[in-house]
PDB file of all heavy atoms in Angstrom:
ATOM      1  N   ALA A   1     155.580 129.738 289.786  1.00  0.00           N
ATOM      2  CA  ALA A   1     155.219 130.309 291.086  1.00  0.00           C
ATOM      3  C   ALA A   1     156.038 129.624 292.172  1.00  0.00           C
ATOM      4  O   ALA A   1     156.549 128.517 291.975  1.00  0.00           O
ATOM      5  CB  ALA A   1     153.727 130.145 291.371  1.00  0.00           C
ATOM      6  N   THR A   2     156.155 130.301 293.312  1.00  0.00           N
ATOM      7  CA  THR A   2     156.863 129.713 294.453  1.00  0.00           C
ATOM      8  C   THR A   2     156.089 129.980 295.735  1.00  0.00           C
ATOM      9  O   THR A   2     155.228 130.865 295.794  1.00  0.00           O
ATOM     10  CB  THR A   2     158.284 130.288 294.619  1.00  0.00           C
ATOM     11  OG1 THR A   2     158.209 131.621 295.146  1.00  0.00           O
ATOM     12  CG2 THR A   2     159.058 130.296 293.304  1.00  0.00           C
ATOM     13  N   VAL A   3     156.427 129.220 296.756  1.00  0.00           N
ATOM     14  CA  VAL A   3     155.879 129.405 298.097  1.00  0.00           C
ATOM     15  C   VAL A   3     157.036 129.730 299.034  1.00  0.00           C
ATOM     16  O   VAL A   3     157.992 128.948 299.133  1.00  0.00           O
ATOM     17  CB  VAL A   3     155.127 128.160 298.591  1.00  0.00           C
ATOM     18  CG1 VAL A   3     154.614 128.357 300.017  1.00  0.00           C
ATOM     19  CG2 VAL A   3     153.974 127.815 297.648  1.00  0.00           C
ATOM     20  N   PHE A   4     156.962 130.864 299.684  1.00  0.00           N
ATOM     21  CA  PHE A   4     157.952 131.235 300.698  1.00  0.00           C
ATOM     22  C   PHE A   4     157.603 130.520 301.998  1.00  0.00           C
ATOM     23  O   PHE A   4     156.440 130.494 302.407  1.00  0.00           O
ATOM     24  CB  PHE A   4     157.931 132.747 300.928  1.00  0.00           C
ATOM     25  CG  PHE A   4     158.760 133.200 302.102  1.00  0.00           C
ATOM     26  CD1 PHE A   4     160.093 133.537 301.943  1.00  0.00           C
ATOM     27  CD2 PHE A   4     158.211 133.274 303.373  1.00  0.00           C
ATOM     28  CE1 PHE A   4     160.862 133.941 303.023  1.00  0.00           C
ATOM     29  CE2 PHE A   4     158.970 133.676 304.469  1.00  0.00           C
ATOM     30  CZ  PHE A   4     160.300 134.012 304.287  1.00  0.00           C
ATOM     31  N   VAL A   5     158.625 129.975 302.657  1.00  0.00           N
ATOM     32  CA  VAL A   5     158.389 129.218 303.890  1.00  0.00           C
ATOM     33  C   VAL A   5     159.236 129.768 305.032  1.00  0.00           C
ATOM     34  O   VAL A   5     160.419 130.108 304.853  1.00  0.00           O
ATOM     35  CB  VAL A   5     158.672 127.716 303.683  1.00  0.00           C
ATOM     36  CG1 VAL A   5     158.483 126.942 304.985  1.00  0.00           C
ATOM     37  CG2 VAL A   5     157.752 127.151 302.600  1.00  0.00           C
ATOM     38  N   ASP A   6     158.626 129.839 306.173  1.00  0.00           N
ATOM     39  CA  ASP A   6     159.200 130.277 307.452  1.00  0.00           C
ATOM     40  C   ASP A   6     160.673 129.940 307.608  1.00  0.00           C
ATOM     41  O   ASP A   6     161.081 128.793 307.428  1.00  0.00           O
ATOM     42  CB  ASP A   6     158.383 129.606 308.572  1.00  0.00           C
ATOM     43  CG  ASP A   6     159.221 129.188 309.766  1.00  0.00           C
ATOM     44  OD1 ASP A   6     159.595 130.069 310.549  1.00  0.00           O
ATOM     45  OD2 ASP A   6     159.483 127.978 309.901  1.00  0.00           O
ATOM     46  N   CYS A   7     161.458 130.954 307.958  1.00  0.00           N
ATOM     47  CA  CYS A   7     162.878 130.731 308.254  1.00  0.00           C
ATOM     48  C   CYS A   7     163.398 131.781 309.233  1.00  0.00           C
ATOM     49  O   CYS A   7     164.583 132.074 309.260  1.00  0.00           O
ATOM     50  CB  CYS A   7     163.718 130.727 306.978  1.00  0.00           C
ATOM     51  SG  CYS A   7     163.499 132.181 305.923  1.00  0.00           S
ATOM     52  N   HIS A   8     162.477 132.389 310.015  1.00  0.00           N
ATOM     53  CA  HIS A   8     162.837 133.406 311.008  1.00  0.00           C
ATOM     54  C   HIS A   8     163.593 134.554 310.340  1.00  0.00           C
ATOM     55  O   HIS A   8     164.642 135.000 310.820  1.00  0.00           O
ATOM     56  CB  HIS A   8     163.656 132.801 312.148  1.00  0.00           C
ATOM     57  CG  HIS A   8     163.613 133.601 313.416  1.00  0.00           C
ATOM     58  ND1 HIS A   8     164.509 134.590 313.703  1.00  0.00           N
ATOM     59  CD2 HIS A   8     162.757 133.560 314.473  1.00  0.00           C
ATOM     60  CE1 HIS A   8     164.234 135.126 314.880  1.00  0.00           C
ATOM     61  NE2 HIS A   8     163.155 134.516 315.363  1.00  0.00           N
ATOM     62  N   SER A   9     163.039 135.027 309.240  1.00  0.00           N
ATOM     63  CA  SER A   9     163.677 136.077 308.455  1.00  0.00           C
ATOM     64  C   SER A   9     162.956 137.411 308.643  1.00  0.00           C
ATOM     65  O   SER A   9     161.729 137.479 308.559  1.00  0.00           O
ATOM     66  CB  SER A   9     163.662 135.699 306.975  1.00  0.00           C
ATOM     67  OG  SER A   9     164.341 136.641 306.198  1.00  0.00           O
ATOM     68  N   MET A  10     163.719 138.454 308.880  1.00  0.00           N
ATOM     69  CA  MET A  10     163.204 139.827 308.945  1.00  0.00           C
ATOM     70  C   MET A  10     162.120 140.020 310.005  1.00  0.00           C
ATOM     71  O   MET A  10     161.183 140.803 309.833  1.00  0.00           O
ATOM     72  CB  MET A  10     162.669 140.271 307.578  1.00  0.00           C
ATOM     73  CG  MET A  10     163.677 140.194 306.460  1.00  0.00           C
ATOM     74  SD  MET A  10     165.062 141.328 306.702  1.00  0.00           S
ATOM     75  CE  MET A  10     166.061 140.969 305.257  1.00  0.00           C
ATOM     76  N   TYR A  11     162.240 139.319 311.118  1.00  0.00           N
ATOM     77  CA  TYR A  11     161.312 139.570 312.219  1.00  0.00           C
ATOM     78  C   TYR A  11     161.465 141.022 312.684  1.00  0.00           C
ATOM     79  O   TYR A  11     162.551 141.608 312.608  1.00  0.00           O
ATOM     80  CB  TYR A  11     161.615 138.634 313.396  1.00  0.00           C
ATOM     81  CG  TYR A  11     160.961 137.279 313.309  1.00  0.00           C
ATOM     82  CD1 TYR A  11     160.704 136.670 312.081  1.00  0.00           C
ATOM     83  CD2 TYR A  11     160.605 136.590 314.466  1.00  0.00           C
ATOM     84  CE1 TYR A  11     160.109 135.417 312.013  1.00  0.00           C
ATOM     85  CE2 TYR A  11     160.014 135.333 314.401  1.00  0.00           C
ATOM     86  CZ  TYR A  11     159.768 134.761 313.172  1.00  0.00           C
ATOM     87  OH  TYR A  11     159.185 133.517 313.104  1.00  0.00           O
ATOM     88  N   ARG A  12     160.386 141.582 313.170  1.00  0.00           N
ATOM     89  CA  ARG A  12     160.447 142.946 313.690  1.00  0.00           C
ATOM     90  C   ARG A  12     161.391 143.014 314.895  1.00  0.00           C
ATOM     91  O   ARG A  12     161.430 142.100 315.714  1.00  0.00           O
ATOM     92  CB  ARG A  12     159.053 143.403 314.112  1.00  0.00           C
ATOM     93  CG  ARG A  12     158.058 143.578 312.967  1.00  0.00           C
ATOM     94  CD  ARG A  12     156.669 143.883 313.508  1.00  0.00           C
ATOM     95  NE  ARG A  12     155.699 144.098 312.441  1.00  0.00           N
ATOM     96  CZ  ARG A  12     154.395 144.280 312.654  1.00  0.00           C
ATOM     97  NH1 ARG A  12     153.915 144.247 313.896  1.00  0.00           N
ATOM     98  NH2 ARG A  12     153.573 144.482 311.637  1.00  0.00           N
ATOM     99  N   LYS A  13     162.090 144.119 314.993  1.00  0.00           N
ATOM    100  CA  LYS A  13     163.007 144.306 316.107  1.00  0.00           C
ATOM    101  C   LYS A  13     162.269 144.732 317.371  1.00  0.00           C
ATOM    102  O   LYS A  13     162.702 144.423 318.491  1.00  0.00           O
ATOM    103  CB  LYS A  13     164.054 145.356 315.738  1.00  0.00           C
ATOM    104  CG  LYS A  13     165.107 145.586 316.817  1.00  0.00           C
ATOM    105  CD  LYS A  13     166.121 146.621 316.366  1.00  0.00           C
ATOM    106  CE  LYS A  13     167.179 146.875 317.446  1.00  0.00           C
ATOM    107  NZ  LYS A  13     168.181 147.890 317.008  1.00  0.00           N
ATOM    108  N   GLU A  14     161.159 145.433 317.199  1.00  0.00           N
ATOM    109  CA  GLU A  14     160.439 145.993 318.338  1.00  0.00           C
ATOM    110  C   GLU A  14     158.997 145.512 318.351  1.00  0.00           C
ATOM    111  O   GLU A  14     158.530 144.876 317.420  1.00  0.00           O
ATOM    112  CB  GLU A  14     160.503 147.527 318.281  1.00  0.00           C
ATOM    113  CG  GLU A  14     161.930 148.069 318.325  1.00  0.00           C
ATOM    114  CD  GLU A  14     161.986 149.575 318.114  1.00  0.00           C
ATOM    115  OE1 GLU A  14     160.997 150.147 317.604  1.00  0.00           O
ATOM    116  OE2 GLU A  14     163.027 150.176 318.440  1.00  0.00           O
ATOM    117  N   GLY A  15     158.304 145.852 319.427  1.00  0.00           N
ATOM    118  CA  GLY A  15     156.912 145.483 319.580  1.00  0.00           C
ATOM    119  C   GLY A  15     156.744 144.210 320.380  1.00  0.00           C
ATOM    120  O   GLY A  15     157.725 143.575 320.789  1.00  0.00           O
ATOM    121  N   PRO A  16     155.494 143.810 320.648  1.00  0.00           N
ATOM    122  CA  PRO A  16     155.242 142.590 321.416  1.00  0.00           C
ATOM    123  C   PRO A  16     155.934 141.390 320.788  1.00  0.00           C
ATOM    124  O   PRO A  16     155.914 141.202 319.565  1.00  0.00           O
ATOM    125  CB  PRO A  16     153.717 142.455 321.355  1.00  0.00           C
ATOM    126  CG  PRO A  16     153.215 143.845 321.094  1.00  0.00           C
ATOM    127  CD  PRO A  16     154.253 144.490 320.235  1.00  0.00           C
ATOM    128  N   ALA A  17     156.531 140.560 321.600  1.00  0.00           N
ATOM    129  CA  ALA A  17     157.320 139.439 321.095  1.00  0.00           C
ATOM    130  C   ALA A  17     156.507 138.529 320.179  1.00  0.00           C
ATOM    131  O   ALA A  17     157.016 138.052 319.154  1.00  0.00           O
ATOM    132  CB  ALA A  17     157.887 138.640 322.272  1.00  0.00           C
ATOM    133  N   GLU A  18     155.237 138.292 320.535  1.00  0.00           N
ATOM    134  CA  GLU A  18     154.445 137.341 319.761  1.00  0.00           C
ATOM    135  C   GLU A  18     154.087 137.874 318.370  1.00  0.00           C
ATOM    136  O   GLU A  18     153.693 137.113 317.482  1.00  0.00           O
ATOM    137  CB  GLU A  18     153.169 136.955 320.513  1.00  0.00           C
ATOM    138  CG  GLU A  18     152.163 138.072 320.703  1.00  0.00           C
ATOM    139  CD  GLU A  18     152.398 138.865 321.989  1.00  0.00           C
ATOM    140  OE1 GLU A  18     153.507 138.756 322.553  1.00  0.00           O
ATOM    141  OE2 GLU A  18     151.474 139.590 322.406  1.00  0.00           O
ATOM    142  N   LEU A  19     154.220 139.216 318.176  1.00  0.00           N
ATOM    143  CA  LEU A  19     153.877 139.822 316.893  1.00  0.00           C
ATOM    144  C   LEU A  19     155.088 140.094 316.009  1.00  0.00           C
ATOM    145  O   LEU A  19     154.934 140.522 314.864  1.00  0.00           O
ATOM    146  CB  LEU A  19     153.115 141.134 317.113  1.00  0.00           C
ATOM    147  CG  LEU A  19     151.721 141.010 317.721  1.00  0.00           C
ATOM    148  CD1 LEU A  19     151.136 142.401 317.981  1.00  0.00           C
ATOM    149  CD2 LEU A  19     150.794 140.209 316.798  1.00  0.00           C
ATOM    150  N   ARG A  20     156.274 139.832 316.492  1.00  0.00           N
ATOM    151  CA  ARG A  20     157.463 140.156 315.696  1.00  0.00           C
ATOM    152  C   ARG A  20     157.571 139.294 314.446  1.00  0.00           C
ATOM    153  O   ARG A  20     158.176 139.684 313.453  1.00  0.00           O
ATOM    154  CB  ARG A  20     158.712 140.032 316.566  1.00  0.00           C
ATOM    155  CG  ARG A  20     158.753 141.100 317.648  1.00  0.00           C
ATOM    156  CD  ARG A  20     159.981 141.005 318.543  1.00  0.00           C
ATOM    157  NE  ARG A  20     159.880 141.971 319.635  1.00  0.00           N
ATOM    158  CZ  ARG A  20     160.760 142.100 320.609  1.00  0.00           C
ATOM    159  NH1 ARG A  20     161.835 141.316 320.619  1.00  0.00           N
ATOM    160  NH2 ARG A  20     160.587 142.999 321.552  1.00  0.00           N
ATOM    161  N   CYS A  21     156.953 138.103 314.479  1.00  0.00           N
ATOM    162  CA  CYS A  21     156.956 137.224 313.308  1.00  0.00           C
ATOM    163  C   CYS A  21     156.236 137.847 312.120  1.00  0.00           C
ATOM    164  O   CYS A  21     156.437 137.420 310.973  1.00  0.00           O
ATOM    165  CB  CYS A  21     156.321 135.883 313.652  1.00  0.00           C
ATOM    166  SG  CYS A  21     154.632 135.995 314.298  1.00  0.00           S
ATOM    167  N   ILE A  22     155.405 138.872 312.359  1.00  0.00           N
ATOM    168  CA  ILE A  22     154.678 139.528 311.275  1.00  0.00           C
ATOM    169  C   ILE A  22     155.660 140.126 310.268  1.00  0.00           C
ATOM    170  O   ILE A  22     155.380 140.211 309.067  1.00  0.00           O
ATOM    171  CB  ILE A  22     153.749 140.640 311.817  1.00  0.00           C
ATOM    172  CG1 ILE A  22     152.838 140.095 312.926  1.00  0.00           C
ATOM    173  CG2 ILE A  22     152.912 141.252 310.698  1.00  0.00           C
ATOM    174  CD1 ILE A  22     151.940 138.979 312.510  1.00  0.00           C
ATOM    175  N   GLY A  23     156.839 140.524 310.750  1.00  0.00           N
ATOM    176  CA  GLY A  23     157.830 141.111 309.859  1.00  0.00           C
ATOM    177  C   GLY A  23     158.217 140.186 308.715  1.00  0.00           C
ATOM    178  O   GLY A  23     158.489 140.647 307.594  1.00  0.00           O
ATOM    179  N   GLU A  24     158.253 138.896 308.970  1.00  0.00           N
ATOM    180  CA  GLU A  24     158.614 137.947 307.918  1.00  0.00           C
ATOM    181  C   GLU A  24     157.568 137.935 306.811  1.00  0.00           C
ATOM    182  O   GLU A  24     157.901 137.893 305.618  1.00  0.00           O
ATOM    183  CB  GLU A  24     158.778 136.551 308.511  1.00  0.00           C
ATOM    184  CG  GLU A  24     159.209 135.503 307.506  1.00  0.00           C
ATOM    185  CD  GLU A  24     159.644 134.206 308.155  1.00  0.00           C
ATOM    186  OE1 GLU A  24     158.820 133.603 308.871  1.00  0.00           O
ATOM    187  OE2 GLU A  24     160.800 133.806 307.962  1.00  0.00           O
ATOM    188  N   THR A  25     156.303 137.978 307.194  1.00  0.00           N
ATOM    189  CA  THR A  25     155.230 138.004 306.198  1.00  0.00           C
ATOM    190  C   THR A  25     155.269 139.305 305.412  1.00  0.00           C
ATOM    191  O   THR A  25     155.090 139.307 304.183  1.00  0.00           O
ATOM    192  CB  THR A  25     153.872 137.821 306.888  1.00  0.00           C
ATOM    193  OG1 THR A  25     153.859 136.560 307.559  1.00  0.00           O
ATOM    194  CG2 THR A  25     152.730 137.871 305.887  1.00  0.00           C
ATOM    195  N   GLU A  26     155.510 140.419 306.085  1.00  0.00           N
ATOM    196  CA  GLU A  26     155.615 141.706 305.394  1.00  0.00           C
ATOM    197  C   GLU A  26     156.759 141.687 304.386  1.00  0.00           C
ATOM    198  O   GLU A  26     156.635 142.196 303.261  1.00  0.00           O
ATOM    199  CB  GLU A  26     155.816 142.823 306.418  1.00  0.00           C
ATOM    200  CG  GLU A  26     154.604 143.046 307.317  1.00  0.00           C
ATOM    201  CD  GLU A  26     154.891 143.992 308.485  1.00  0.00           C
ATOM    202  OE1 GLU A  26     156.024 143.979 308.999  1.00  0.00           O
ATOM    203  OE2 GLU A  26     153.963 144.734 308.870  1.00  0.00           O
ATOM    204  N   PHE A  27     157.879 141.128 304.790  1.00  0.00           N
ATOM    205  CA  PHE A  27     159.045 141.024 303.917  1.00  0.00           C
ATOM    206  C   PHE A  27     158.736 140.175 302.687  1.00  0.00           C
ATOM    207  O   PHE A  27     158.971 140.588 301.539  1.00  0.00           O
ATOM    208  CB  PHE A  27     160.204 140.426 304.723  1.00  0.00           C
ATOM    209  CG  PHE A  27     161.332 139.873 303.917  1.00  0.00           C
ATOM    210  CD1 PHE A  27     162.026 140.660 303.019  1.00  0.00           C
ATOM    211  CD2 PHE A  27     161.719 138.545 304.078  1.00  0.00           C
ATOM    212  CE1 PHE A  27     163.082 140.139 302.277  1.00  0.00           C
ATOM    213  CE2 PHE A  27     162.773 138.015 303.350  1.00  0.00           C
ATOM    214  CZ  PHE A  27     163.455 138.814 302.437  1.00  0.00           C
ATOM    215  N   ALA A  28     158.194 138.983 302.903  1.00  0.00           N
ATOM    216  CA  ALA A  28     157.886 138.094 301.782  1.00  0.00           C
ATOM    217  C   ALA A  28     156.819 138.698 300.875  1.00  0.00           C
ATOM    218  O   ALA A  28     156.873 138.540 299.647  1.00  0.00           O
ATOM    219  CB  ALA A  28     157.431 136.731 302.304  1.00  0.00           C
ATOM    220  N   ASN A  29     155.869 139.396 301.458  1.00  0.00           N
ATOM    221  CA  ASN A  29     154.829 140.031 300.657  1.00  0.00           C
ATOM    222  C   ASN A  29     155.409 141.143 299.790  1.00  0.00           C
ATOM    223  O   ASN A  29     154.954 141.381 298.664  1.00  0.00           O
ATOM    224  CB  ASN A  29     153.724 140.580 301.562  1.00  0.00           C
ATOM    225  CG  ASN A  29     152.510 141.042 300.774  1.00  0.00           C
ATOM    226  OD1 ASN A  29     151.997 140.316 299.923  1.00  0.00           O
ATOM    227  ND2 ASN A  29     152.068 142.260 301.040  1.00  0.00           N
ATOM    228  N   GLY A  30     156.427 141.826 300.302  1.00  0.00           N
ATOM    229  CA  GLY A  30     157.091 142.846 299.495  1.00  0.00           C
ATOM    230  C   GLY A  30     157.792 142.232 298.293  1.00  0.00           C
ATOM    231  O   GLY A  30     157.737 142.779 297.181  1.00  0.00           O
ATOM    232  N   VAL A  31     158.452 141.106 298.506  1.00  0.00           N
ATOM    233  CA  VAL A  31     159.086 140.401 297.392  1.00  0.00           C
ATOM    234  C   VAL A  31     158.028 139.944 296.393  1.00  0.00           C
ATOM    235  O   VAL A  31     158.203 140.058 295.173  1.00  0.00           O
ATOM    236  CB  VAL A  31     159.902 139.205 297.905  1.00  0.00           C
ATOM    237  CG1 VAL A  31     160.394 138.342 296.747  1.00  0.00           C
ATOM    238  CG2 VAL A  31     161.077 139.689 298.744  1.00  0.00           C
TER     239      VAL A  31
END
């Protein structure tokens, strides 16, 4: 098993700035 760790990856391009980090979790969850 592995743990994915924050690296400012695949942040959302649009939407409220404070919520763009959600894109990274969505990306890692897809993997």
